[in-house]
């Protein structure tokens, strides 16, 4: 299964990188830009055929290693193959 994990700062957590990008965009003349958050995008290939088992495995991976649960949130999509539509999951 193909898994796409999207990691972002939790609401209310200071994001200095996002703030710097927002300021830079404004200084370049992009006046309509509000808050900017910088996150991570992780792609995993799992050798698991059961969708429920894959979801549980990805949640454990995110909670134990891929994210910092104190300051980050994540969502993920799982597809059985690269050409199938993803199934969205979030926390």
PDB file of N, CA and C in Angstrom:
ATOM      1  N   UNK A   1       0.835  -1.183   0.000  1.00  0.00           N
ATOM      2  CA  UNK A   1       0.000   0.000   0.000  1.00  0.00           C
ATOM      3  C   UNK A   1       0.875   1.241   0.000  1.00  0.00           C
ATOM      4  N   UNK A   2       0.404   2.252  -0.652  1.00  0.00           N
ATOM      5  CA  UNK A   2       1.096   3.532  -0.700  1.00  0.00           C
ATOM      6  C   UNK A   2       0.462   4.455   0.332  1.00  0.00           C
ATOM      7  N   UNK A   3       1.290   5.040   1.197  1.00  0.00           N
ATOM      8  CA  UNK A   3       0.809   5.922   2.250  1.00  0.00           C
ATOM      9  C   UNK A   3       1.467   7.286   2.096  1.00  0.00           C
ATOM     10  N   UNK A   4       0.644   8.339   2.170  1.00  0.00           N
ATOM     11  CA  UNK A   4       1.140   9.711   2.149  1.00  0.00           C
ATOM     12  C   UNK A   4       0.774  10.340   3.481  1.00  0.00           C
ATOM     13  N   UNK A   5       1.782  10.789   4.220  1.00  0.00           N
ATOM     14  CA  UNK A   5       1.584  11.389   5.534  1.00  0.00           C
ATOM     15  C   UNK A   5       1.889  12.883   5.429  1.00  0.00           C
ATOM     16  N   UNK A   6       0.976  13.694   5.938  1.00  0.00           N
ATOM     17  CA  UNK A   6       1.128  15.153   5.938  1.00  0.00           C
ATOM     18  C   UNK A   6       1.228  15.609   7.393  1.00  0.00           C
ATOM     19  N   UNK A   7       2.343  16.237   7.747  1.00  0.00           N
ATOM     20  CA  UNK A   7       2.597  16.665   9.120  1.00  0.00           C
ATOM     21  C   UNK A   7       2.582  18.194   9.149  1.00  0.00           C
ATOM     22  N   UNK A   8       1.878  18.753  10.132  1.00  0.00           N
ATOM     23  CA  UNK A   8       1.818  20.212  10.253  1.00  0.00           C
ATOM     24  C   UNK A   8       1.868  20.605  11.723  1.00  0.00           C
ATOM     25  N   UNK A   9       2.293  21.845  11.998  1.00  0.00           N
ATOM     26  CA  UNK A   9       2.308  22.304  13.392  1.00  0.00           C
ATOM     27  C   UNK A   9       0.873  22.376  13.926  1.00  0.00           C
ATOM     28  N   UNK A  10       0.700  22.063  15.190  1.00  0.00           N
ATOM     29  CA  UNK A  10      -0.614  22.186  15.822  1.00  0.00           C
ATOM     30  C   UNK A  10      -1.012  23.653  15.877  1.00  0.00           C
ATOM     31  N   UNK A  11      -2.305  23.908  15.880  1.00  0.00           N
ATOM     32  CA  UNK A  11      -2.797  25.274  16.023  1.00  0.00           C
ATOM     33  C   UNK A  11      -2.296  25.837  17.346  1.00  0.00           C
ATOM     34  N   UNK A  12      -1.837  27.062  17.310  1.00  0.00           N
ATOM     35  CA  UNK A  12      -1.335  27.712  18.510  1.00  0.00           C
ATOM     36  C   UNK A  12       0.144  27.501  18.778  1.00  0.00           C
ATOM     37  N   UNK A  13       0.791  26.630  18.006  1.00  0.00           N
ATOM     38  CA  UNK A  13       2.224  26.385  18.171  1.00  0.00           C
ATOM     39  C   UNK A  13       2.989  27.359  17.278  1.00  0.00           C
ATOM     40  N   UNK A  14       3.988  28.006  17.823  1.00  0.00           N
ATOM     41  CA  UNK A  14       4.803  28.951  17.065  1.00  0.00           C
ATOM     42  C   UNK A  14       5.492  28.237  15.908  1.00  0.00           C
ATOM     43  N   UNK A  15       5.395  28.810  14.716  1.00  0.00           N
ATOM     44  CA  UNK A  15       6.018  28.254  13.514  1.00  0.00           C
ATOM     45  C   UNK A  15       6.937  29.323  12.924  1.00  0.00           C
ATOM     46  N   UNK A  16       8.186  29.432  13.419  1.00  0.00           N
ATOM     47  CA  UNK A  16       9.077  30.491  12.956  1.00  0.00           C
ATOM     48  C   UNK A  16       9.379  30.403  11.463  1.00  0.00           C
ATOM     49  N   UNK A  17       9.482  29.197  10.930  1.00  0.00           N
ATOM     50  CA  UNK A  17       9.746  29.045   9.497  1.00  0.00           C
ATOM     51  C   UNK A  17       8.558  29.558   8.685  1.00  0.00           C
ATOM     52  N   UNK A  18       7.355  29.229   9.117  1.00  0.00           N
ATOM     53  CA  UNK A  18       6.157  29.717   8.441  1.00  0.00           C
ATOM     54  C   UNK A  18       6.048  31.228   8.508  1.00  0.00           C
ATOM     55  N   UNK A  19       6.376  31.781   9.670  1.00  0.00           N
ATOM     56  CA  UNK A  19       6.327  33.243   9.838  1.00  0.00           C
ATOM     57  C   UNK A  19       7.334  33.921   8.900  1.00  0.00           C
ATOM     58  N   UNK A  20       8.537  33.357   8.782  1.00  0.00           N
ATOM     59  CA  UNK A  20       9.559  33.931   7.896  1.00  0.00           C
ATOM     60  C   UNK A  20       9.109  33.887   6.440  1.00  0.00           C
ATOM     61  N   UNK A  21       8.491  32.776   6.033  1.00  0.00           N
ATOM     62  CA  UNK A  21       8.001  32.668   4.653  1.00  0.00           C
ATOM     63  C   UNK A  21       6.879  33.673   4.414  1.00  0.00           C
ATOM     64  N   UNK A  22       5.976  33.830   5.369  1.00  0.00           N
ATOM     65  CA  UNK A  22       4.881  34.794   5.218  1.00  0.00           C
ATOM     66  C   UNK A  22       5.425  36.211   5.049  1.00  0.00           C
ATOM     67  N   UNK A  23       6.401  36.570   5.878  1.00  0.00           N
ATOM     68  CA  UNK A  23       7.005  37.903   5.770  1.00  0.00           C
ATOM     69  C   UNK A  23       7.710  38.091   4.433  1.00  0.00           C
ATOM     70  N   UNK A  24       8.419  37.063   3.989  1.00  0.00           N
ATOM     71  CA  UNK A  24       9.124  37.146   2.710  1.00  0.00           C
ATOM     72  C   UNK A  24       8.144  37.301   1.547  1.00  0.00           C
ATOM     73  N   UNK A  25       7.056  36.560   1.589  1.00  0.00           N
ATOM     74  CA  UNK A  25       6.057  36.680   0.523  1.00  0.00           C
ATOM     75  C   UNK A  25       5.458  38.083   0.488  1.00  0.00           C
ATOM     76  N   UNK A  26       5.173  38.636   1.667  1.00  0.00           N
ATOM     77  CA  UNK A  26       4.637  40.005   1.734  1.00  0.00           C
ATOM     78  C   UNK A  26       5.646  41.010   1.195  1.00  0.00           C
ATOM     79  N   UNK A  27       6.934  40.819   1.523  1.00  0.00           N
ATOM     80  CA  UNK A  27       7.953  41.757   1.035  1.00  0.00           C
ATOM     81  C   UNK A  27       8.155  41.630  -0.473  1.00  0.00           C
ATOM     82  N   UNK A  28       7.762  40.502  -1.043  1.00  0.00           N
ATOM     83  CA  UNK A  28       7.836  40.327  -2.498  1.00  0.00           C
ATOM     84  C   UNK A  28       6.579  40.818  -3.205  1.00  0.00           C
ATOM     85  N   UNK A  29       5.642  41.375  -2.443  1.00  0.00           N
ATOM     86  CA  UNK A  29       4.457  41.955  -3.046  1.00  0.00           C
ATOM     87  C   UNK A  29       3.229  41.055  -3.042  1.00  0.00           C
ATOM     88  N   UNK A  30       3.277  39.924  -2.373  1.00  0.00           N
ATOM     89  CA  UNK A  30       2.118  39.038  -2.279  1.00  0.00           C
ATOM     90  C   UNK A  30       1.309  39.447  -1.046  1.00  0.00           C
ATOM     91  N   UNK A  31       0.477  40.484  -1.225  1.00  0.00           N
ATOM     92  CA  UNK A  31      -0.217  41.092  -0.097  1.00  0.00           C
ATOM     93  C   UNK A  31      -1.344  40.232   0.473  1.00  0.00           C
ATOM     94  N   UNK A  32      -1.913  39.332  -0.289  1.00  0.00           N
ATOM     95  CA  UNK A  32      -3.057  38.550   0.161  1.00  0.00           C
ATOM     96  C   UNK A  32      -2.704  37.335   0.998  1.00  0.00           C
ATOM     97  N   UNK A  33      -1.447  37.194   1.370  1.00  0.00           N
ATOM     98  CA  UNK A  33      -1.025  36.015   2.130  1.00  0.00           C
ATOM     99  C   UNK A  33      -1.245  36.262   3.613  1.00  0.00           C
ATOM    100  N   UNK A  34      -1.932  35.331   4.260  1.00  0.00           N
ATOM    101  CA  UNK A  34      -2.138  35.400   5.705  1.00  0.00           C
ATOM    102  C   UNK A  34      -1.092  34.548   6.408  1.00  0.00           C
ATOM    103  N   UNK A  35      -1.564  33.715   7.295  1.00  0.00           N
ATOM    104  CA  UNK A  35      -0.673  32.833   8.046  1.00  0.00           C
ATOM    105  C   UNK A  35      -0.136  31.737   7.138  1.00  0.00           C
ATOM    106  N   UNK A  36       1.126  31.389   7.323  1.00  0.00           N
ATOM    107  CA  UNK A  36       1.773  30.311   6.579  1.00  0.00           C
ATOM    108  C   UNK A  36       2.274  29.287   7.584  1.00  0.00           C
ATOM    109  N   UNK A  37       2.000  28.018   7.313  1.00  0.00           N
ATOM    110  CA  UNK A  37       2.527  26.931   8.142  1.00  0.00           C
ATOM    111  C   UNK A  37       3.382  26.031   7.273  1.00  0.00           C
ATOM    112  N   UNK A  38       4.540  25.684   7.781  1.00  0.00           N
ATOM    113  CA  UNK A  38       5.456  24.799   7.075  1.00  0.00           C
ATOM    114  C   UNK A  38       5.401  23.429   7.752  1.00  0.00           C
ATOM    115  N   UNK A  39       5.228  22.396   6.947  1.00  0.00           N
ATOM    116  CA  UNK A  39       5.147  21.051   7.484  1.00  0.00           C
ATOM    117  C   UNK A  39       6.030  20.094   6.707  1.00  0.00           C
ATOM    118  N   UNK A  40       5.716  18.805   6.818  1.00  0.00           N
ATOM    119  CA  UNK A  40       6.464  17.766   6.118  1.00  0.00           C
ATOM    120  C   UNK A  40       5.510  16.869   5.365  1.00  0.00           C
ATOM    121  N   UNK A  41       6.024  16.235   4.332  1.00  0.00           N
ATOM    122  CA  UNK A  41       5.279  15.292   3.508  1.00  0.00           C
ATOM    123  C   UNK A  41       6.108  14.013   3.453  1.00  0.00           C
ATOM    124  N   UNK A  42       5.543  12.900   3.891  1.00  0.00           N
ATOM    125  CA  UNK A  42       6.262  11.632   3.968  1.00  0.00           C
ATOM    126  C   UNK A  42       5.511  10.598   3.144  1.00  0.00           C
ATOM    127  N   UNK A  43       6.217   9.871   2.290  1.00  0.00           N
ATOM    128  CA  UNK A  43       5.605   8.813   1.485  1.00  0.00           C
ATOM    129  C   UNK A  43       6.194   7.476   1.930  1.00  0.00           C
ATOM    130  N   UNK A  44       5.311   6.532   2.241  1.00  0.00           N
ATOM    131  CA  UNK A  44       5.715   5.199   2.676  1.00  0.00           C
ATOM    132  C   UNK A  44       5.086   4.151   1.774  1.00  0.00           C
ATOM    133  N   UNK A  45       5.793   3.094   1.529  1.00  0.00           N
ATOM    134  CA  UNK A  45       5.215   1.928   0.871  1.00  0.00           C
ATOM    135  C   UNK A  45       5.167   0.815   1.903  1.00  0.00           C
ATOM    136  N   UNK A  46       3.970   0.304   2.163  1.00  0.00           N
ATOM    137  CA  UNK A  46       3.795  -0.752   3.148  1.00  0.00           C
ATOM    138  C   UNK A  46       3.460  -2.058   2.456  1.00  0.00           C
ATOM    139  N   UNK A  47       4.029  -3.120   2.945  1.00  0.00           N
ATOM    140  CA  UNK A  47       3.720  -4.454   2.431  1.00  0.00           C
ATOM    141  C   UNK A  47       2.619  -5.063   3.300  1.00  0.00           C
ATOM    142  N   UNK A  48       1.478  -4.387   3.321  1.00  0.00           N
ATOM    143  CA  UNK A  48       0.313  -4.819   4.101  1.00  0.00           C
ATOM    144  C   UNK A  48      -0.896  -4.759   3.160  1.00  0.00           C
ATOM    145  N   UNK A  49      -1.655  -5.825   3.080  1.00  0.00           N
ATOM    146  CA  UNK A  49      -2.798  -5.844   2.164  1.00  0.00           C
ATOM    147  C   UNK A  49      -4.114  -5.468   2.837  1.00  0.00           C
ATOM    148  N   UNK A  50      -4.190  -5.570   4.163  1.00  0.00           N
ATOM    149  CA  UNK A  50      -5.416  -5.248   4.888  1.00  0.00           C
ATOM    150  C   UNK A  50      -5.457  -3.755   5.212  1.00  0.00           C
ATOM    151  N   UNK A  51      -6.486  -3.053   4.743  1.00  0.00           N
ATOM    152  CA  UNK A  51      -6.566  -1.598   4.916  1.00  0.00           C
ATOM    153  C   UNK A  51      -6.629  -1.194   6.384  1.00  0.00           C
ATOM    154  N   UNK A  52      -7.397  -1.920   7.194  1.00  0.00           N
ATOM    155  CA  UNK A  52      -7.509  -1.575   8.616  1.00  0.00           C
ATOM    156  C   UNK A  52      -6.176  -1.751   9.340  1.00  0.00           C
ATOM    157  N   UNK A  53      -5.466  -2.807   9.022  1.00  0.00           N
ATOM    158  CA  UNK A  53      -4.149  -3.035   9.615  1.00  0.00           C
ATOM    159  C   UNK A  53      -3.172  -1.945   9.177  1.00  0.00           C
ATOM    160  N   UNK A  54      -3.256  -1.542   7.917  1.00  0.00           N
ATOM    161  CA  UNK A  54      -2.390  -0.472   7.412  1.00  0.00           C
ATOM    162  C   UNK A  54      -2.661   0.830   8.151  1.00  0.00           C
ATOM    163  N   UNK A  55      -3.939   1.192   8.351  1.00  0.00           N
ATOM    164  CA  UNK A  55      -4.276   2.415   9.081  1.00  0.00           C
ATOM    165  C   UNK A  55      -3.720   2.376  10.504  1.00  0.00           C
ATOM    166  N   UNK A  56      -3.883   1.251  11.182  1.00  0.00           N
ATOM    167  CA  UNK A  56      -3.379   1.125  12.552  1.00  0.00           C
ATOM    168  C   UNK A  56      -1.853   1.231  12.583  1.00  0.00           C
ATOM    169  N   UNK A  57      -1.199   0.620  11.613  1.00  0.00           N
ATOM    170  CA  UNK A  57       0.264   0.657  11.544  1.00  0.00           C
ATOM    171  C   UNK A  57       0.763   2.082  11.305  1.00  0.00           C
ATOM    172  N   UNK A  58       0.120   2.799  10.393  1.00  0.00           N
ATOM    173  CA  UNK A  58       0.535   4.174  10.094  1.00  0.00           C
ATOM    174  C   UNK A  58       0.313   5.071  11.304  1.00  0.00           C
ATOM    175  N   UNK A  59      -0.802   4.902  12.008  1.00  0.00           N
ATOM    176  CA  UNK A  59      -1.041   5.696  13.219  1.00  0.00           C
ATOM    177  C   UNK A  59       0.067   5.456  14.246  1.00  0.00           C
ATOM    178  N   UNK A  60       0.445   4.195  14.444  1.00  0.00           N
ATOM    179  CA  UNK A  60       1.521   3.885  15.394  1.00  0.00           C
ATOM    180  C   UNK A  60       2.841   4.513  14.943  1.00  0.00           C
ATOM    181  N   UNK A  61       3.139   4.427  13.642  1.00  0.00           N
ATOM    182  CA  UNK A  61       4.371   5.033  13.116  1.00  0.00           C
ATOM    183  C   UNK A  61       4.394   6.535  13.390  1.00  0.00           C
ATOM    184  N   UNK A  62       3.274   7.190  13.122  1.00  0.00           N
ATOM    185  CA  UNK A  62       3.194   8.638  13.321  1.00  0.00           C
ATOM    186  C   UNK A  62       3.314   9.004  14.800  1.00  0.00           C
ATOM    187  N   UNK A  63       2.617   8.262  15.642  1.00  0.00           N
ATOM    188  CA  UNK A  63       2.638   8.570  17.072  1.00  0.00           C
ATOM    189  C   UNK A  63       3.979   8.268  17.725  1.00  0.00           C
ATOM    190  N   UNK A  64       4.693   7.256  17.234  1.00  0.00           N
ATOM    191  CA  UNK A  64       5.940   6.840  17.872  1.00  0.00           C
ATOM    192  C   UNK A  64       7.201   7.450  17.272  1.00  0.00           C
ATOM    193  N   UNK A  65       7.168   7.834  15.981  1.00  0.00           N
ATOM    194  CA  UNK A  65       8.406   8.298  15.355  1.00  0.00           C
ATOM    195  C   UNK A  65       8.240   9.473  14.396  1.00  0.00           C
ATOM    196  N   UNK A  66       7.268   9.404  13.522  1.00  0.00           N
ATOM    197  CA  UNK A  66       7.203  10.366  12.419  1.00  0.00           C
ATOM    198  C   UNK A  66       6.762  11.765  12.823  1.00  0.00           C
ATOM    199  N   UNK A  67       6.068  11.888  13.949  1.00  0.00           N
ATOM    200  CA  UNK A  67       5.618  13.207  14.400  1.00  0.00           C
ATOM    201  C   UNK A  67       5.921  13.389  15.881  1.00  0.00           C
ATOM    202  N   UNK A  68       5.914  14.633  16.302  1.00  0.00           N
ATOM    203  CA  UNK A  68       5.997  14.952  17.718  1.00  0.00           C
ATOM    204  C   UNK A  68       4.572  15.273  18.159  1.00  0.00           C
ATOM    205  N   UNK A  69       3.908  14.357  18.875  1.00  0.00           N
ATOM    206  CA  UNK A  69       2.497  14.552  19.211  1.00  0.00           C
ATOM    207  C   UNK A  69       2.230  15.767  20.101  1.00  0.00           C
ATOM    208  N   UNK A  70       3.256  16.337  20.712  1.00  0.00           N
ATOM    209  CA  UNK A  70       3.071  17.524  21.548  1.00  0.00           C
ATOM    210  C   UNK A  70       2.900  18.793  20.727  1.00  0.00           C
ATOM    211  N   UNK A  71       3.506  18.838  19.540  1.00  0.00           N
ATOM    212  CA  UNK A  71       3.483  20.085  18.760  1.00  0.00           C
ATOM    213  C   UNK A  71       3.019  19.901  17.317  1.00  0.00           C
ATOM    214  N   UNK A  72       2.768  18.672  16.886  1.00  0.00           N
ATOM    215  CA  UNK A  72       2.403  18.439  15.494  1.00  0.00           C
ATOM    216  C   UNK A  72       1.126  17.604  15.369  1.00  0.00           C
ATOM    217  N   UNK A  73       0.396  17.855  14.299  1.00  0.00           N
ATOM    218  CA  UNK A  73      -0.743  17.035  13.900  1.00  0.00           C
ATOM    219  C   UNK A  73      -0.386  16.359  12.588  1.00  0.00           C
ATOM    220  N   UNK A  74      -1.139  15.335  12.248  1.00  0.00           N
ATOM    221  CA  UNK A  74      -0.900  14.670  10.969  1.00  0.00           C
ATOM    222  C   UNK A  74      -2.204  14.168  10.371  1.00  0.00           C
ATOM    223  N   UNK A  75      -2.184  14.047   9.067  1.00  0.00           N
ATOM    224  CA  UNK A  75      -3.221  13.358   8.321  1.00  0.00           C
ATOM    225  C   UNK A  75      -2.504  12.398   7.400  1.00  0.00           C
ATOM    226  N   UNK A  76      -3.223  11.388   6.931  1.00  0.00           N
ATOM    227  CA  UNK A  76      -2.602  10.499   5.963  1.00  0.00           C
ATOM    228  C   UNK A  76      -3.626   9.945   5.007  1.00  0.00           C
ATOM    229  N   UNK A  77      -3.119   9.538   3.856  1.00  0.00           N
ATOM    230  CA  UNK A  77      -3.922   8.916   2.804  1.00  0.00           C
ATOM    231  C   UNK A  77      -3.315   7.551   2.519  1.00  0.00           C
ATOM    232  N   UNK A  78      -4.185   6.574   2.299  1.00  0.00           N
ATOM    233  CA  UNK A  78      -3.726   5.234   1.945  1.00  0.00           C
ATOM    234  C   UNK A  78      -4.386   4.823   0.647  1.00  0.00           C
ATOM    235  N   UNK A  79      -3.587   4.289  -0.262  1.00  0.00           N
ATOM    236  CA  UNK A  79      -4.110   3.744  -1.515  1.00  0.00           C
ATOM    237  C   UNK A  79      -3.503   2.358  -1.706  1.00  0.00           C
ATOM    238  N   UNK A  80      -4.298   1.437  -2.205  1.00  0.00           N
ATOM    239  CA  UNK A  80      -3.808   0.073  -2.404  1.00  0.00           C
ATOM    240  C   UNK A  80      -2.759   0.026  -3.510  1.00  0.00           C
ATOM    241  N   UNK A  81      -2.885   0.914  -4.479  1.00  0.00           N
ATOM    242  CA  UNK A  81      -1.907   0.996  -5.569  1.00  0.00           C
ATOM    243  C   UNK A  81      -1.764   2.461  -5.954  1.00  0.00           C
ATOM    244  N   UNK A  82      -0.714   2.779  -6.669  1.00  0.00           N
ATOM    245  CA  UNK A  82      -0.457   4.178  -7.026  1.00  0.00           C
ATOM    246  C   UNK A  82      -1.565   4.802  -7.860  1.00  0.00           C
ATOM    247  N   UNK A  83      -2.327   4.010  -8.608  1.00  0.00           N
ATOM    248  CA  UNK A  83      -3.344   4.582  -9.485  1.00  0.00           C
ATOM    249  C   UNK A  83      -4.735   4.585  -8.864  1.00  0.00           C
ATOM    250  N   UNK A  84      -4.898   4.129  -7.631  1.00  0.00           N
ATOM    251  CA  UNK A  84      -6.207   4.136  -6.991  1.00  0.00           C
ATOM    252  C   UNK A  84      -6.392   5.426  -6.221  1.00  0.00           C
ATOM    253  N   UNK A  85      -7.666   5.831  -6.022  1.00  0.00           N
ATOM    254  CA  UNK A  85      -7.924   7.049  -5.264  1.00  0.00           C
ATOM    255  C   UNK A  85      -7.608   6.816  -3.799  1.00  0.00           C
ATOM    256  N   UNK A  86      -7.044   7.823  -3.125  1.00  0.00           N
ATOM    257  CA  UNK A  86      -6.628   7.665  -1.732  1.00  0.00           C
ATOM    258  C   UNK A  86      -7.809   7.677  -0.768  1.00  0.00           C
ATOM    259  N   UNK A  87      -7.573   7.093   0.378  1.00  0.00           N
ATOM    260  CA  UNK A  87      -8.520   7.117   1.476  1.00  0.00           C
ATOM    261  C   UNK A  87      -7.944   8.042   2.535  1.00  0.00           C
ATOM    262  N   UNK A  88      -8.642   9.115   2.853  1.00  0.00           N
ATOM    263  CA  UNK A  88      -8.114  10.124   3.778  1.00  0.00           C
ATOM    264  C   UNK A  88      -8.339   9.715   5.219  1.00  0.00           C
ATOM    265  N   UNK A  89      -7.339   9.964   6.064  1.00  0.00           N
ATOM    266  CA  UNK A  89      -7.423   9.737   7.493  1.00  0.00           C
ATOM    267  C   UNK A  89      -6.783  10.935   8.173  1.00  0.00           C
ATOM    268  N   UNK A  90      -7.242  11.261   9.354  1.00  0.00           N
ATOM    269  CA  UNK A  90      -6.594  12.352  10.082  1.00  0.00           C
ATOM    270  C   UNK A  90      -6.678  12.098  11.572  1.00  0.00           C
ATOM    271  N   UNK A  91      -5.888  12.883  12.281  1.00  0.00           N
ATOM    272  CA  UNK A  91      -5.905  12.815  13.745  1.00  0.00           C
ATOM    273  C   UNK A  91      -6.094  14.192  14.262  1.00  0.00           C
TER     274      UNK A  91
END
